[in-house]
Protein backbone atom coordinates (compact mmCIF):
# COMPACT_ATOMS: atom_id res chain seq x y z
CA UNK A 1 80.02 70.10 94.39
CA UNK A 2 76.80 71.95 93.67
CA UNK A 3 76.83 75.62 92.84
CA UNK A 4 75.16 76.40 96.20
CA UNK A 5 78.04 74.67 97.96
CA UNK A 6 80.51 76.74 95.96
CA UNK A 7 78.59 79.93 96.80
CA UNK A 8 78.57 79.07 100.51
CA UNK A 9 82.24 78.16 100.38
CA UNK A 10 83.10 81.50 98.78
CA UNK A 11 80.94 83.38 101.30
CA UNK A 12 82.89 81.70 104.09
CA UNK A 13 86.16 82.71 102.46
CA UNK A 14 84.97 86.31 102.17
CA UNK A 15 83.97 86.44 105.83
CA UNK A 16 87.52 85.46 106.78
CA UNK A 17 89.05 88.01 104.40
CA UNK A 18 89.11 90.93 106.82
CA UNK A 19 91.12 93.91 105.81
CA UNK A 20 94.05 94.67 108.11
CA UNK A 21 93.41 98.33 107.38
CA UNK A 22 90.86 100.50 109.16
CA UNK A 23 88.25 102.53 107.36
CA UNK A 24 90.19 105.69 108.26
CA UNK A 25 93.20 104.68 106.17
CA UNK A 26 93.46 106.13 102.70
CA UNK A 27 97.23 106.54 102.28
CA UNK A 28 99.18 103.37 101.58
CA UNK A 29 102.62 102.34 100.43
CA UNK A 30 102.67 100.50 97.12
CA UNK A 31 103.12 96.81 98.01
CA UNK A 32 106.57 95.48 97.15
CA UNK A 33 105.21 92.81 94.77
CA UNK A 34 103.28 95.40 92.78
CA UNK A 35 106.27 97.76 92.71
CA UNK A 36 108.37 94.97 91.18
CA UNK A 37 105.99 94.74 88.22
CA UNK A 38 106.97 98.22 87.05
CA UNK A 39 109.68 99.76 89.23
CA UNK A 40 110.00 102.84 87.06
CA UNK A 41 106.33 103.70 87.56
CA UNK A 42 106.62 103.50 91.34
CA UNK A 43 110.03 105.12 91.84
CA UNK A 44 110.08 108.77 92.85
CA UNK A 45 111.80 111.07 90.42
CA UNK A 46 111.68 114.62 91.73
CA UNK A 47 108.76 115.39 94.00
CA UNK A 48 107.62 113.61 97.12
CA UNK A 49 104.72 114.59 99.34
CA UNK A 50 104.23 113.39 102.88
CA UNK A 51 106.37 111.50 105.35
CA UNK A 52 107.21 108.28 103.49
CA UNK A 53 110.36 109.54 101.76
CA UNK A 54 111.59 112.23 104.15
CA UNK A 55 114.94 110.55 104.73
CA UNK A 56 115.79 109.73 101.12
CA UNK A 57 119.03 111.69 100.48
CA UNK A 58 118.37 111.77 96.74
CA UNK A 59 115.24 113.84 97.35
CA UNK A 60 116.53 116.32 99.94
CA UNK A 61 117.11 119.05 97.37
CA UNK A 62 113.37 119.02 96.72
CA UNK A 63 112.75 119.78 100.39
CA UNK A 64 114.56 123.10 99.96
CA UNK A 65 112.32 123.95 97.00
CA UNK A 66 109.21 123.09 98.99
CA UNK A 67 110.32 125.51 101.71
CA UNK A 68 110.81 128.26 99.10
CA UNK A 69 107.26 127.70 97.82
CA UNK A 70 105.95 127.59 101.40
CA UNK A 71 107.64 130.91 102.19
CA UNK A 72 106.19 132.43 99.01
CA UNK A 73 102.73 131.14 99.97
CA UNK A 74 102.99 132.86 103.36
CA UNK A 75 104.30 136.12 101.87
CA UNK A 76 101.79 136.42 99.04
CA UNK A 77 98.77 134.82 100.65
CA UNK A 78 96.37 136.39 103.09
CA UNK A 79 97.19 133.85 105.79
CA UNK A 80 99.36 133.80 108.85
CA UNK A 81 101.58 131.01 110.02
CA UNK A 82 99.97 130.80 113.45
CA UNK A 83 96.49 130.06 112.10
CA UNK A 84 97.87 127.45 109.70
CA UNK A 85 99.74 125.71 112.52
CA UNK A 86 96.59 125.69 114.67
CA UNK A 87 94.55 124.08 111.86
CA UNK A 88 97.16 121.43 111.14
CA UNK A 89 97.62 120.75 114.86
CA UNK A 90 93.88 120.15 115.23
CA UNK A 91 93.86 117.86 112.19
CA UNK A 92 96.99 115.88 113.13
CA UNK A 93 95.24 112.91 114.81
CA UNK A 94 93.00 112.39 111.76
CA UNK A 95 95.92 112.86 109.38
CA UNK A 96 97.97 110.28 111.27
CA UNK A 97 95.09 107.77 111.16
CA UNK A 98 94.89 108.24 107.38
CA UNK A 99 98.17 106.38 106.93
CA UNK A 100 98.05 102.60 106.79
CA UNK A 101 101.64 102.41 108.09
CA UNK A 102 102.60 103.49 111.57
CA UNK A 103 104.44 106.77 111.22
CA UNK A 104 107.65 107.00 113.19
CA UNK A 105 107.33 110.76 113.61
CA UNK A 106 106.54 113.01 116.51
CA UNK A 107 103.38 115.07 116.43
CA UNK A 108 105.42 118.17 115.61
CA UNK A 109 107.40 116.46 112.83
CA UNK A 110 104.24 115.27 111.09
CA UNK A 111 102.61 118.68 111.48
CA UNK A 112 105.60 120.41 109.84
CA UNK A 113 105.62 117.95 106.95
CA UNK A 114 101.89 118.34 106.35
CA UNK A 115 102.06 122.12 106.61
CA UNK A 116 105.02 122.58 104.25
CA UNK A 117 103.83 119.99 101.74
CA UNK A 118 100.22 121.19 101.59
CA UNK A 119 101.24 124.83 101.08
CA UNK A 120 103.77 123.71 98.48
CA UNK A 121 101.02 121.92 96.55
CA UNK A 122 98.73 124.96 96.66
CA UNK A 123 101.48 127.35 95.60
CA UNK A 124 102.99 125.05 92.96
CA UNK A 125 99.72 124.27 91.21
C-alpha cells in the first residue's frame, strides 16, 4: 500500500470517528477503563461538586458543610438569595447542556446544586 493510500484510509477513518458528545459538553464522567488504571486518583475523598455524586452516602456529611459555607456567603456577601436564584435559573439550560451525561434531576434540583456548590467554592477558596 502506498503512503497516499494509507493517508486516504486514515482520512476515511477520521471522518467516521464522530464524537458522541456535542460541542456544548465540557463536564464528563471519567470513563470506567481509565478509572481502573488508577482508582485512587479518581475516587472522591472529601469534596464533591455538582450532581454526579449527590446520592453517595459517604459524602453526605460534606453537603452539610457546603450549606454552612453557602449560608456564610449569603450573610457576609453583598448579595441576596433572590438575585442568585434568578441568575442560576436563567443559566440552567446551558448548565444542563454542559454535562455529557443526561442528568436525572429536575430543573429545581439542578439549580439548588449549582447554587450551593458555586457559592461554596467562592467562600471556601
